[in-house]
Amino acid sequence: MLAFGVGGTICALGQVVLLWLLGLGLRESQAGAYTSAIMIGVGATLTGLGIYDEIGSVGGMGSALPITGFANSIVSPAMEFKREGFILGVSAKMFNVAGPVIVYGLLSAALVTAALLVLR
């Protein structure tokens, strides 16, 4: 039950940011991109401050599913391995969890795009 509340709250905050950006006069596509960037920044910042882990312990999957959870999955390993240095620690470990998601997401998008182009 708490997962729905936490996930819904995160999404509602994202909607508030989107509406604020639209109110500033940005086009919908621009506002969507900026909203994603802002929410990723918020998720990364809250992870760095140790707050997002507390949200995750309460909200479970509700905190992991939104884009802020994706930011958390990149920042957490980077912070954990920072003692090993910037190259072998932070840079190498930050994509342990998110790397496969990025790779297979891009691969799936490319395959679907190719299939749509062939079928037209």
PDB file of N, CA and C in Angstrom:
ATOM      1  N   MET A   1       0.814  -1.193   0.000  1.00  0.00           N
ATOM      2  CA  MET A   1       0.000   0.000   0.000  1.00  0.00           C
ATOM      3  C   MET A   1       0.860   1.261   0.000  1.00  0.00           C
ATOM      4  N   LEU A   2       1.957   1.266   0.760  1.00  0.00           N
ATOM      5  CA  LEU A   2       2.823   2.435   0.798  1.00  0.00           C
ATOM      6  C   LEU A   2       3.538   2.668  -0.525  1.00  0.00           C
ATOM      7  N   ALA A   3       3.798   1.593  -1.275  1.00  0.00           N
ATOM      8  CA  ALA A   3       4.455   1.741  -2.576  1.00  0.00           C
ATOM      9  C   ALA A   3       3.618   2.608  -3.512  1.00  0.00           C
ATOM     10  N   PHE A   4       2.315   2.405  -3.508  1.00  0.00           N
ATOM     11  CA  PHE A   4       1.445   3.211  -4.360  1.00  0.00           C
ATOM     12  C   PHE A   4       1.469   4.674  -3.937  1.00  0.00           C
ATOM     13  N   GLY A   5       1.470   4.919  -2.643  1.00  0.00           N
ATOM     14  CA  GLY A   5       1.502   6.288  -2.134  1.00  0.00           C
ATOM     15  C   GLY A   5       2.803   6.991  -2.462  1.00  0.00           C
ATOM     16  N   VAL A   6       3.917   6.295  -2.257  1.00  0.00           N
ATOM     17  CA  VAL A   6       5.221   6.898  -2.534  1.00  0.00           C
ATOM     18  C   VAL A   6       5.399   7.120  -4.032  1.00  0.00           C
ATOM     19  N   GLY A   7       5.114   6.103  -4.836  1.00  0.00           N
ATOM     20  CA  GLY A   7       5.226   6.248  -6.290  1.00  0.00           C
ATOM     21  C   GLY A   7       4.301   7.325  -6.820  1.00  0.00           C
ATOM     22  N   GLY A   8       3.082   7.368  -6.306  1.00  0.00           N
ATOM     23  CA  GLY A   8       2.125   8.386  -6.727  1.00  0.00           C
ATOM     24  C   GLY A   8       2.561   9.789  -6.348  1.00  0.00           C
ATOM     25  N   THR A   9       3.168   9.922  -5.177  1.00  0.00           N
ATOM     26  CA  THR A   9       3.662  11.230  -4.739  1.00  0.00           C
ATOM     27  C   THR A   9       4.808  11.706  -5.627  1.00  0.00           C
ATOM     28  N   ILE A  10       5.717  10.786  -5.946  1.00  0.00           N
ATOM     29  CA  ILE A  10       6.831  11.148  -6.835  1.00  0.00           C
ATOM     30  C   ILE A  10       6.296  11.576  -8.199  1.00  0.00           C
ATOM     31  N   CYS A  11       5.352  10.820  -8.727  1.00  0.00           N
ATOM     32  CA  CYS A  11       4.772  11.156 -10.034  1.00  0.00           C
ATOM     33  C   CYS A  11       3.984  12.459  -9.982  1.00  0.00           C
ATOM     34  N   ALA A  12       3.296  12.704  -8.881  1.00  0.00           N
ATOM     35  CA  ALA A  12       2.560  13.962  -8.731  1.00  0.00           C
ATOM     36  C   ALA A  12       3.520  15.144  -8.687  1.00  0.00           C
ATOM     37  N   LEU A  13       4.659  14.982  -8.013  1.00  0.00           N
ATOM     38  CA  LEU A  13       5.664  16.043  -7.998  1.00  0.00           C
ATOM     39  C   LEU A  13       6.223  16.292  -9.400  1.00  0.00           C
ATOM     40  N   GLY A  14       6.423  15.218 -10.153  1.00  0.00           N
ATOM     41  CA  GLY A  14       6.857  15.365 -11.534  1.00  0.00           C
ATOM     42  C   GLY A  14       5.828  16.113 -12.367  1.00  0.00           C
ATOM     43  N   GLN A  15       4.557  15.844 -12.125  1.00  0.00           N
ATOM     44  CA  GLN A  15       3.489  16.539 -12.846  1.00  0.00           C
ATOM     45  C   GLN A  15       3.468  18.023 -12.487  1.00  0.00           C
ATOM     46  N   VAL A  16       3.708  18.340 -11.222  1.00  0.00           N
ATOM     47  CA  VAL A  16       3.774  19.741 -10.797  1.00  0.00           C
ATOM     48  C   VAL A  16       4.914  20.449 -11.517  1.00  0.00           C
ATOM     49  N   VAL A  17       6.065  19.796 -11.609  1.00  0.00           N
ATOM     50  CA  VAL A  17       7.209  20.381 -12.317  1.00  0.00           C
ATOM     51  C   VAL A  17       6.859  20.590 -13.789  1.00  0.00           C
ATOM     52  N   LEU A  18       6.234  19.599 -14.411  1.00  0.00           N
ATOM     53  CA  LEU A  18       5.841  19.714 -15.819  1.00  0.00           C
ATOM     54  C   LEU A  18       4.885  20.884 -16.034  1.00  0.00           C
ATOM     55  N   LEU A  19       3.886  20.994 -15.202  1.00  0.00           N
ATOM     56  CA  LEU A  19       2.917  22.086 -15.346  1.00  0.00           C
ATOM     57  C   LEU A  19       3.570  23.440 -15.108  1.00  0.00           C
ATOM     58  N   TRP A  20       4.511  23.504 -14.175  1.00  0.00           N
ATOM     59  CA  TRP A  20       5.246  24.744 -13.918  1.00  0.00           C
ATOM     60  C   TRP A  20       6.039  25.156 -15.157  1.00  0.00           C
ATOM     61  N   LEU A  21       6.720  24.192 -15.766  1.00  0.00           N
ATOM     62  CA  LEU A  21       7.512  24.484 -16.966  1.00  0.00           C
ATOM     63  C   LEU A  21       6.623  24.882 -18.140  1.00  0.00           C
ATOM     64  N   LEU A  22       5.481  24.225 -18.267  1.00  0.00           N
ATOM     65  CA  LEU A  22       4.533  24.616 -19.318  1.00  0.00           C
ATOM     66  C   LEU A  22       4.020  26.032 -19.070  1.00  0.00           C
ATOM     67  N   GLY A  23       3.813  26.370 -17.806  1.00  0.00           N
ATOM     68  CA  GLY A  23       3.372  27.719 -17.449  1.00  0.00           C
ATOM     69  C   GLY A  23       4.411  28.782 -17.756  1.00  0.00           C
ATOM     70  N   LEU A  24       5.676  28.374 -17.791  1.00  0.00           N
ATOM     71  CA  LEU A  24       6.746  29.313 -18.150  1.00  0.00           C
ATOM     72  C   LEU A  24       6.823  29.541 -19.658  1.00  0.00           C
ATOM     73  N   GLY A  25       6.030  28.774 -20.423  1.00  0.00           N
ATOM     74  CA  GLY A  25       5.971  28.972 -21.859  1.00  0.00           C
ATOM     75  C   GLY A  25       6.763  27.965 -22.678  1.00  0.00           C
ATOM     76  N   LEU A  26       7.289  26.928 -22.071  1.00  0.00           N
ATOM     77  CA  LEU A  26       8.015  25.918 -22.829  1.00  0.00           C
ATOM     78  C   LEU A  26       7.042  25.068 -23.625  1.00  0.00           C
ATOM     79  N   ARG A  27       7.512  24.593 -24.795  1.00  0.00           N
ATOM     80  CA  ARG A  27       6.705  23.658 -25.565  1.00  0.00           C
ATOM     81  C   ARG A  27       6.620  22.350 -24.794  1.00  0.00           C
ATOM     82  N   GLU A  28       5.621  21.526 -25.109  1.00  0.00           N
ATOM     83  CA  GLU A  28       5.393  20.287 -24.371  1.00  0.00           C
ATOM     84  C   GLU A  28       6.604  19.349 -24.423  1.00  0.00           C
ATOM     85  N   SER A  29       7.228  19.236 -25.592  1.00  0.00           N
ATOM     86  CA  SER A  29       8.393  18.353 -25.716  1.00  0.00           C
ATOM     87  C   SER A  29       9.566  18.869 -24.888  1.00  0.00           C
ATOM     88  N   GLN A  30       9.760  20.184 -24.882  1.00  0.00           N
ATOM     89  CA  GLN A  30      10.829  20.762 -24.071  1.00  0.00           C
ATOM     90  C   GLN A  30      10.542  20.590 -22.586  1.00  0.00           C
ATOM     91  N   ALA A  31       9.318  20.857 -22.200  1.00  0.00           N
ATOM     92  CA  ALA A  31       8.943  20.747 -20.790  1.00  0.00           C
ATOM     93  C   ALA A  31       9.105  19.315 -20.304  1.00  0.00           C
ATOM     94  N   GLY A  32       8.763  18.344 -21.149  1.00  0.00           N
ATOM     95  CA  GLY A  32       8.928  16.944 -20.769  1.00  0.00           C
ATOM     96  C   GLY A  32      10.384  16.571 -20.562  1.00  0.00           C
ATOM     97  N   ALA A  33      11.244  17.050 -21.454  1.00  0.00           N
ATOM     98  CA  ALA A  33      12.675  16.765 -21.326  1.00  0.00           C
ATOM     99  C   ALA A  33      13.255  17.421 -20.080  1.00  0.00           C
ATOM    100  N   TYR A  34      12.889  18.672 -19.840  1.00  0.00           N
ATOM    101  CA  TYR A  34      13.375  19.362 -18.649  1.00  0.00           C
ATOM    102  C   TYR A  34      12.838  18.721 -17.371  1.00  0.00           C
ATOM    103  N   THR A  35      11.596  18.273 -17.406  1.00  0.00           N
ATOM    104  CA  THR A  35      11.027  17.602 -16.232  1.00  0.00           C
ATOM    105  C   THR A  35      11.810  16.339 -15.910  1.00  0.00           C
ATOM    106  N   SER A  36      12.126  15.554 -16.934  1.00  0.00           N
ATOM    107  CA  SER A  36      12.921  14.346 -16.716  1.00  0.00           C
ATOM    108  C   SER A  36      14.272  14.691 -16.104  1.00  0.00           C
ATOM    109  N   ALA A  37      14.927  15.704 -16.654  1.00  0.00           N
ATOM    110  CA  ALA A  37      16.238  16.100 -16.143  1.00  0.00           C
ATOM    111  C   ALA A  37      16.152  16.589 -14.699  1.00  0.00           C
ATOM    112  N   ILE A  38      15.141  17.360 -14.389  1.00  0.00           N
ATOM    113  CA  ILE A  38      14.969  17.868 -13.022  1.00  0.00           C
ATOM    114  C   ILE A  38      14.712  16.718 -12.054  1.00  0.00           C
ATOM    115  N   MET A  39      13.837  15.801 -12.444  1.00  0.00           N
ATOM    116  CA  MET A  39      13.523  14.670 -11.544  1.00  0.00           C
ATOM    117  C   MET A  39      14.741  13.761 -11.356  1.00  0.00           C
ATOM    118  N   ILE A  40      15.553  13.579 -12.396  1.00  0.00           N
ATOM    119  CA  ILE A  40      16.789  12.801 -12.259  1.00  0.00           C
ATOM    120  C   ILE A  40      17.736  13.519 -11.305  1.00  0.00           C
ATOM    121  N   GLY A  41      17.853  14.821 -11.451  1.00  0.00           N
ATOM    122  CA  GLY A  41      18.705  15.599 -10.551  1.00  0.00           C
ATOM    123  C   GLY A  41      18.251  15.525  -9.108  1.00  0.00           C
ATOM    124  N   VAL A  42      16.943  15.606  -8.903  1.00  0.00           N
ATOM    125  CA  VAL A  42      16.394  15.499  -7.546  1.00  0.00           C
ATOM    126  C   VAL A  42      16.672  14.112  -6.970  1.00  0.00           C
ATOM    127  N   GLY A  43      16.442  13.070  -7.769  1.00  0.00           N
ATOM    128  CA  GLY A  43      16.708  11.706  -7.298  1.00  0.00           C
ATOM    129  C   GLY A  43      18.170  11.488  -6.957  1.00  0.00           C
ATOM    130  N   ALA A  44      19.068  12.004  -7.804  1.00  0.00           N
ATOM    131  CA  ALA A  44      20.503  11.862  -7.551  1.00  0.00           C
ATOM    132  C   ALA A  44      20.920  12.639  -6.308  1.00  0.00           C
ATOM    133  N   THR A  45      20.387  13.837  -6.153  1.00  0.00           N
ATOM    134  CA  THR A  45      20.718  14.649  -4.981  1.00  0.00           C
ATOM    135  C   THR A  45      20.223  14.003  -3.698  1.00  0.00           C
ATOM    136  N   LEU A  46      18.985  13.522  -3.715  1.00  0.00           N
ATOM    137  CA  LEU A  46      18.447  12.864  -2.528  1.00  0.00           C
ATOM    138  C   LEU A  46      19.211  11.579  -2.200  1.00  0.00           C
ATOM    139  N   THR A  47      19.708  10.896  -3.224  1.00  0.00           N
ATOM    140  CA  THR A  47      20.532   9.709  -2.994  1.00  0.00           C
ATOM    141  C   THR A  47      21.847  10.112  -2.343  1.00  0.00           C
ATOM    142  N   GLY A  48      22.469  11.160  -2.863  1.00  0.00           N
ATOM    143  CA  GLY A  48      23.727  11.641  -2.298  1.00  0.00           C
ATOM    144  C   GLY A  48      23.593  12.084  -0.857  1.00  0.00           C
ATOM    145  N   LEU A  49      22.439  12.608  -0.495  1.00  0.00           N
ATOM    146  CA  LEU A  49      22.197  13.050   0.879  1.00  0.00           C
ATOM    147  C   LEU A  49      21.743  11.912   1.786  1.00  0.00           C
ATOM    148  N   GLY A  50      21.511  10.737   1.214  1.00  0.00           N
ATOM    149  CA  GLY A  50      21.068   9.588   1.998  1.00  0.00           C
ATOM    150  C   GLY A  50      19.576   9.553   2.276  1.00  0.00           C
ATOM    151  N   ILE A  51      18.837  10.460   1.660  1.00  0.00           N
ATOM    152  CA  ILE A  51      17.396  10.545   1.903  1.00  0.00           C
ATOM    153  C   ILE A  51      16.630   9.545   1.039  1.00  0.00           C
ATOM    154  N   TYR A  52      17.095   9.325  -0.199  1.00  0.00           N
ATOM    155  CA  TYR A  52      16.343   8.452  -1.106  1.00  0.00           C
ATOM    156  C   TYR A  52      16.317   7.009  -0.611  1.00  0.00           C
ATOM    157  N   ASP A  53      17.357   6.583   0.076  1.00  0.00           N
ATOM    158  CA  ASP A  53      17.358   5.232   0.646  1.00  0.00           C
ATOM    159  C   ASP A  53      16.260   5.075   1.697  1.00  0.00           C
ATOM    160  N   GLU A  54      16.032   6.132   2.477  1.00  0.00           N
ATOM    161  CA  GLU A  54      14.947   6.095   3.469  1.00  0.00           C
ATOM    162  C   GLU A  54      13.586   6.060   2.781  1.00  0.00           C
ATOM    163  N   ILE A  55      13.457   6.836   1.703  1.00  0.00           N
ATOM    164  CA  ILE A  55      12.203   6.805   0.928  1.00  0.00           C
ATOM    165  C   ILE A  55      11.994   5.409   0.361  1.00  0.00           C
ATOM    166  N   GLY A  56      13.074   4.802  -0.125  1.00  0.00           N
ATOM    167  CA  GLY A  56      12.992   3.453  -0.685  1.00  0.00           C
ATOM    168  C   GLY A  56      12.647   2.403   0.348  1.00  0.00           C
ATOM    169  N   SER A  57      13.111   2.575   1.580  1.00  0.00           N
ATOM    170  CA  SER A  57      12.786   1.586   2.614  1.00  0.00           C
ATOM    171  C   SER A  57      11.308   1.645   2.990  1.00  0.00           C
ATOM    172  N   VAL A  58      10.701   2.800   2.816  1.00  0.00           N
ATOM    173  CA  VAL A  58       9.268   2.938   3.095  1.00  0.00           C
ATOM    174  C   VAL A  58       8.435   2.584   1.869  1.00  0.00           C
ATOM    175  N   GLY A  59       8.860   3.089   0.711  1.00  0.00           N
ATOM    176  CA  GLY A  59       8.046   2.980  -0.497  1.00  0.00           C
ATOM    177  C   GLY A  59       8.323   1.781  -1.375  1.00  0.00           C
ATOM    178  N   GLY A  60       9.417   1.076  -1.141  1.00  0.00           N
ATOM    179  CA  GLY A  60       9.730  -0.104  -1.941  1.00  0.00           C
ATOM    180  C   GLY A  60       9.750   0.199  -3.428  1.00  0.00           C
ATOM    181  N   MET A  61       9.038  -0.608  -4.189  1.00  0.00           N
ATOM    182  CA  MET A  61       9.020  -0.465  -5.643  1.00  0.00           C
ATOM    183  C   MET A  61       8.428   0.866  -6.080  1.00  0.00           C
ATOM    184  N   GLY A  62       7.620   1.472  -5.258  1.00  0.00           N
ATOM    185  CA  GLY A  62       7.054   2.777  -5.582  1.00  0.00           C
ATOM    186  C   GLY A  62       8.116   3.851  -5.720  1.00  0.00           C
ATOM    187  N   SER A  63       9.254   3.651  -5.059  1.00  0.00           N
ATOM    188  CA  SER A  63      10.346   4.616  -5.196  1.00  0.00           C
ATOM    189  C   SER A  63      11.341   4.185  -6.266  1.00  0.00           C
ATOM    190  N   ALA A  64      11.333   2.923  -6.630  1.00  0.00           N
ATOM    191  CA  ALA A  64      12.290   2.411  -7.612  1.00  0.00           C
ATOM    192  C   ALA A  64      11.797   2.587  -9.044  1.00  0.00           C
ATOM    193  N   LEU A  65      10.503   2.576  -9.253  1.00  0.00           N
ATOM    194  CA  LEU A  65       9.952   2.595 -10.603  1.00  0.00           C
ATOM    195  C   LEU A  65      10.030   3.949 -11.307  1.00  0.00           C
ATOM    196  N   PRO A  66       9.752   5.063 -10.638  1.00  0.00           N
ATOM    197  CA  PRO A  66       9.854   6.355 -11.350  1.00  0.00           C
ATOM    198  C   PRO A  66      11.297   6.659 -11.755  1.00  0.00           C
ATOM    199  N   ILE A  67      11.474   7.683 -12.556  1.00  0.00           N
ATOM    200  CA  ILE A  67      12.799   8.035 -13.067  1.00  0.00           C
ATOM    201  C   ILE A  67      13.757   8.412 -11.946  1.00  0.00           C
ATOM    202  N   THR A  68      13.235   8.857 -10.813  1.00  0.00           N
ATOM    203  CA  THR A  68      14.099   9.160  -9.667  1.00  0.00           C
ATOM    204  C   THR A  68      14.757   7.888  -9.141  1.00  0.00           C
ATOM    205  N   GLY A  69      14.086   6.767  -9.257  1.00  0.00           N
ATOM    206  CA  GLY A  69      14.666   5.486  -8.860  1.00  0.00           C
ATOM    207  C   GLY A  69      15.788   5.073  -9.793  1.00  0.00           C
ATOM    208  N   PHE A  70      15.657   5.428 -11.071  1.00  0.00           N
ATOM    209  CA  PHE A  70      16.721   5.159 -12.028  1.00  0.00           C
ATOM    210  C   PHE A  70      17.963   5.961 -11.657  1.00  0.00           C
ATOM    211  N   ALA A  71      17.772   7.222 -11.293  1.00  0.00           N
ATOM    212  CA  ALA A  71      18.897   8.047 -10.850  1.00  0.00           C
ATOM    213  C   ALA A  71      19.538   7.441  -9.611  1.00  0.00           C
ATOM    214  N   ASN A  72      18.713   6.951  -8.706  1.00  0.00           N
ATOM    215  CA  ASN A  72      19.223   6.307  -7.497  1.00  0.00           C
ATOM    216  C   ASN A  72      20.051   5.074  -7.832  1.00  0.00           C
ATOM    217  N   SER A  73      19.621   4.306  -8.827  1.00  0.00           N
ATOM    218  CA  SER A  73      20.348   3.085  -9.180  1.00  0.00           C
ATOM    219  C   SER A  73      21.691   3.377  -9.839  1.00  0.00           C
ATOM    220  N   ILE A  74      21.882   4.571 -10.357  1.00  0.00           N
ATOM    221  CA  ILE A  74      23.175   4.955 -10.918  1.00  0.00           C
ATOM    222  C   ILE A  74      24.075   5.567  -9.845  1.00  0.00           C
ATOM    223  N   VAL A  75      23.515   6.426  -9.009  1.00  0.00           N
ATOM    224  CA  VAL A  75      24.316   7.152  -8.022  1.00  0.00           C
ATOM    225  C   VAL A  75      24.753   6.258  -6.867  1.00  0.00           C
ATOM    226  N   SER A  76      23.903   5.344  -6.427  1.00  0.00           N
ATOM    227  CA  SER A  76      24.242   4.496  -5.271  1.00  0.00           C
ATOM    228  C   SER A  76      25.530   3.699  -5.461  1.00  0.00           C
ATOM    229  N   PRO A  77      25.690   2.931  -6.554  1.00  0.00           N
ATOM    230  CA  PRO A  77      26.955   2.211  -6.719  1.00  0.00           C
ATOM    231  C   PRO A  77      28.151   3.141  -6.878  1.00  0.00           C
ATOM    232  N   ALA A  78      27.948   4.282  -7.528  1.00  0.00           N
ATOM    233  CA  ALA A  78      29.050   5.236  -7.693  1.00  0.00           C
ATOM    234  C   ALA A  78      29.528   5.727  -6.334  1.00  0.00           C
ATOM    235  N   MET A  79      28.597   6.015  -5.436  1.00  0.00           N
ATOM    236  CA  MET A  79      28.973   6.458  -4.091  1.00  0.00           C
ATOM    237  C   MET A  79      29.641   5.347  -3.298  1.00  0.00           C
ATOM    238  N   GLU A  80      29.152   4.143  -3.474  1.00  0.00           N
ATOM    239  CA  GLU A  80      29.684   3.012  -2.725  1.00  0.00           C
ATOM    240  C   GLU A  80      31.145   2.728  -3.074  1.00  0.00           C
ATOM    241  N   PHE A  81      31.510   2.920  -4.327  1.00  0.00           N
ATOM    242  CA  PHE A  81      32.853   2.571  -4.780  1.00  0.00           C
ATOM    243  C   PHE A  81      33.749   3.787  -5.004  1.00  0.00           C
ATOM    244  N   LYS A  82      33.398   4.949  -4.449  1.00  0.00           N
ATOM    245  CA  LYS A  82      34.205   6.151  -4.675  1.00  0.00           C
ATOM    246  C   LYS A  82      35.602   6.043  -4.071  1.00  0.00           C
ATOM    247  N   ARG A  83      35.767   5.198  -3.056  1.00  0.00           N
ATOM    248  CA  ARG A  83      37.084   5.022  -2.439  1.00  0.00           C
ATOM    249  C   ARG A  83      38.075   4.338  -3.375  1.00  0.00           C
ATOM    250  N   GLU A  84      37.570   3.652  -4.397  1.00  0.00           N
ATOM    251  CA  GLU A  84      38.441   2.962  -5.347  1.00  0.00           C
ATOM    252  C   GLU A  84      38.935   3.883  -6.457  1.00  0.00           C
ATOM    253  N   GLY A  85      38.566   5.140  -6.392  1.00  0.00           N
ATOM    254  CA  GLY A  85      39.025   6.116  -7.377  1.00  0.00           C
ATOM    255  C   GLY A  85      37.945   6.456  -8.388  1.00  0.00           C
ATOM    256  N   PHE A  86      38.230   7.497  -9.157  1.00  0.00           N
ATOM    257  CA  PHE A  86      37.227   7.981 -10.102  1.00  0.00           C
ATOM    258  C   PHE A  86      37.040   7.033 -11.277  1.00  0.00           C
ATOM    259  N   ILE A  87      38.115   6.489 -11.816  1.00  0.00           N
ATOM    260  CA  ILE A  87      38.020   5.637 -13.005  1.00  0.00           C
ATOM    261  C   ILE A  87      37.566   4.230 -12.627  1.00  0.00           C
ATOM    262  N   LEU A  88      38.309   3.566 -11.756  1.00  0.00           N
ATOM    263  CA  LEU A  88      38.003   2.172 -11.420  1.00  0.00           C
ATOM    264  C   LEU A  88      36.870   2.038 -10.405  1.00  0.00           C
ATOM    265  N   GLY A  89      36.562   3.095  -9.707  1.00  0.00           N
ATOM    266  CA  GLY A  89      35.492   3.046  -8.720  1.00  0.00           C
ATOM    267  C   GLY A  89      34.198   3.627  -9.253  1.00  0.00           C
ATOM    268  N   VAL A  90      34.132   4.946  -9.257  1.00  0.00           N
ATOM    269  CA  VAL A  90      32.896   5.641  -9.621  1.00  0.00           C
ATOM    270  C   VAL A  90      32.474   5.334 -11.053  1.00  0.00           C
ATOM    271  N   SER A  91      33.360   5.571 -12.009  1.00  0.00           N
ATOM    272  CA  SER A  91      32.993   5.415 -13.425  1.00  0.00           C
ATOM    273  C   SER A  91      32.683   3.969 -13.794  1.00  0.00           C
ATOM    274  N   ALA A  92      33.443   3.033 -13.248  1.00  0.00           N
ATOM    275  CA  ALA A  92      33.251   1.629 -13.617  1.00  0.00           C
ATOM    276  C   ALA A  92      32.029   1.020 -12.947  1.00  0.00           C
ATOM    277  N   LYS A  93      31.699   1.455 -11.758  1.00  0.00           N
ATOM    278  CA  LYS A  93      30.632   0.803 -10.996  1.00  0.00           C
ATOM    279  C   LYS A  93      29.270   1.471 -11.113  1.00  0.00           C
ATOM    280  N   MET A  94      29.223   2.700 -11.617  1.00  0.00           N
ATOM    281  CA  MET A  94      27.953   3.420 -11.592  1.00  0.00           C
ATOM    282  C   MET A  94      26.888   2.809 -12.504  1.00  0.00           C
ATOM    283  N   PHE A  95      27.293   2.017 -13.473  1.00  0.00           N
ATOM    284  CA  PHE A  95      26.324   1.434 -14.390  1.00  0.00           C
ATOM    285  C   PHE A  95      26.109  -0.060 -14.149  1.00  0.00           C
ATOM    286  N   ASN A  96      26.477  -0.552 -12.955  1.00  0.00           N
ATOM    287  CA  ASN A  96      26.252  -1.971 -12.634  1.00  0.00           C
ATOM    288  C   ASN A  96      24.787  -2.357 -12.776  1.00  0.00           C
ATOM    289  N   VAL A  97      23.914  -1.552 -12.234  1.00  0.00           N
ATOM    290  CA  VAL A  97      22.481  -1.845 -12.273  1.00  0.00           C
ATOM    291  C   VAL A  97      21.837  -1.218 -13.504  1.00  0.00           C
ATOM    292  N   ALA A  98      22.164   0.036 -13.766  1.00  0.00           N
ATOM    293  CA  ALA A  98      21.489   0.770 -14.824  1.00  0.00           C
ATOM    294  C   ALA A  98      22.022   0.435 -16.213  1.00  0.00           C
ATOM    295  N   GLY A  99      23.241  -0.036 -16.305  1.00  0.00           N
ATOM    296  CA  GLY A  99      23.846  -0.334 -17.605  1.00  0.00           C
ATOM    297  C   GLY A  99      23.036  -1.283 -18.464  1.00  0.00           C
ATOM    298  N   PRO A 100      22.664  -2.449 -17.930  1.00  0.00           N
ATOM    299  CA  PRO A 100      21.849  -3.358 -18.739  1.00  0.00           C
ATOM    300  C   PRO A 100      20.505  -2.756 -19.155  1.00  0.00           C
ATOM    301  N   VAL A 101      19.928  -1.935 -18.296  1.00  0.00           N
ATOM    302  CA  VAL A 101      18.656  -1.291 -18.638  1.00  0.00           C
ATOM    303  C   VAL A 101      18.860  -0.360 -19.826  1.00  0.00           C
ATOM    304  N   ILE A 102      19.937   0.415 -19.800  1.00  0.00           N
ATOM    305  CA  ILE A 102      20.222   1.335 -20.894  1.00  0.00           C
ATOM    306  C   ILE A 102      20.502   0.568 -22.185  1.00  0.00           C
ATOM    307  N   VAL A 103      21.357  -0.439 -22.106  1.00  0.00           N
ATOM    308  CA  VAL A 103      21.739  -1.204 -23.298  1.00  0.00           C
ATOM    309  C   VAL A 103      20.536  -1.880 -23.930  1.00  0.00           C
ATOM    310  N   TYR A 104      19.766  -2.613 -23.142  1.00  0.00           N
ATOM    311  CA  TYR A 104      18.629  -3.333 -23.711  1.00  0.00           C
ATOM    312  C   TYR A 104      17.488  -2.396 -24.083  1.00  0.00           C
ATOM    313  N   GLY A 105      17.369  -1.277 -23.406  1.00  0.00           N
ATOM    314  CA  GLY A 105      16.367  -0.285 -23.804  1.00  0.00           C
ATOM    315  C   GLY A 105      16.684   0.312 -25.160  1.00  0.00           C
ATOM    316  N   LEU A 106      17.955   0.684 -25.362  1.00  0.00           N
ATOM    317  CA  LEU A 106      18.363   1.230 -26.659  1.00  0.00           C
ATOM    318  C   LEU A 106      18.271   0.183 -27.760  1.00  0.00           C
ATOM    319  N   LEU A 107      18.667  -1.045 -27.452  1.00  0.00           N
ATOM    320  CA  LEU A 107      18.589  -2.120 -28.437  1.00  0.00           C
ATOM    321  C   LEU A 107      17.137  -2.385 -28.836  1.00  0.00           C
ATOM    322  N   SER A 108      16.244  -2.438 -27.857  1.00  0.00           N
ATOM    323  CA  SER A 108      14.818  -2.649 -28.144  1.00  0.00           C
ATOM    324  C   SER A 108      14.259  -1.517 -28.988  1.00  0.00           C
ATOM    325  N   ALA A 109      14.626  -0.275 -28.647  1.00  0.00           N
ATOM    326  CA  ALA A 109      14.139   0.875 -29.413  1.00  0.00           C
ATOM    327  C   ALA A 109      14.632   0.808 -30.859  1.00  0.00           C
ATOM    328  N   ALA A 110      15.889   0.424 -31.044  1.00  0.00           N
ATOM    329  CA  ALA A 110      16.435   0.318 -32.397  1.00  0.00           C
ATOM    330  C   ALA A 110      15.738  -0.778 -33.186  1.00  0.00           C
ATOM    331  N   LEU A 111      15.478  -1.918 -32.567  1.00  0.00           N
ATOM    332  CA  LEU A 111      14.796  -3.010 -33.257  1.00  0.00           C
ATOM    333  C   LEU A 111      13.366  -2.659 -33.631  1.00  0.00           C
ATOM    334  N   VAL A 112      12.655  -2.018 -32.728  1.00  0.00           N
ATOM    335  CA  VAL A 112      11.276  -1.617 -33.022  1.00  0.00           C
ATOM    336  C   VAL A 112      11.261  -0.584 -34.133  1.00  0.00           C
ATOM    337  N   THR A 113      12.187   0.373 -34.089  1.00  0.00           N
ATOM    338  CA  THR A 113      12.265   1.391 -35.141  1.00  0.00           C
ATOM    339  C   THR A 113      12.573   0.746 -36.486  1.00  0.00           C
ATOM    340  N   ALA A 114      13.522  -0.176 -36.523  1.00  0.00           N
ATOM    341  CA  ALA A 114      13.859  -0.871 -37.764  1.00  0.00           C
ATOM    342  C   ALA A 114      12.664  -1.653 -38.296  1.00  0.00           C
ATOM    343  N   ALA A 115      11.941  -2.329 -37.395  1.00  0.00           N
ATOM    344  CA  ALA A 115      10.764  -3.088 -37.816  1.00  0.00           C
ATOM    345  C   ALA A 115       9.686  -2.173 -38.382  1.00  0.00           C
ATOM    346  N   LEU A 116       9.481  -1.019 -37.757  1.00  0.00           N
ATOM    347  CA  LEU A 116       8.487  -0.075 -38.263  1.00  0.00           C
ATOM    348  C   LEU A 116       8.887   0.484 -39.620  1.00  0.00           C
ATOM    349  N   LEU A 117      10.164   0.745 -39.817  1.00  0.00           N
ATOM    350  CA  LEU A 117      10.624   1.252 -41.104  1.00  0.00           C
ATOM    351  C   LEU A 117      10.465   0.204 -42.207  1.00  0.00           C
ATOM    352  N   VAL A 118      10.722  -1.053 -41.889  1.00  0.00           N
ATOM    353  CA  VAL A 118      10.596  -2.134 -42.861  1.00  0.00           C
ATOM    354  C   VAL A 118       9.124  -2.386 -43.210  1.00  0.00           C
ATOM    355  N   LEU A 119       8.261  -2.312 -42.235  1.00  0.00           N
ATOM    356  CA  LEU A 119       6.837  -2.612 -42.444  1.00  0.00           C
ATOM    357  C   LEU A 119       6.078  -1.481 -43.137  1.00  0.00           C
ATOM    358  N   ARG A 120       6.653  -0.324 -43.236  1.00  0.00           N
ATOM    359  CA  ARG A 120       5.969   0.797 -43.906  1.00  0.00           C
ATOM    360  C   ARG A 120       6.025   0.609 -45.337  1.00  0.00           C
TER     361      ARG A 120
END
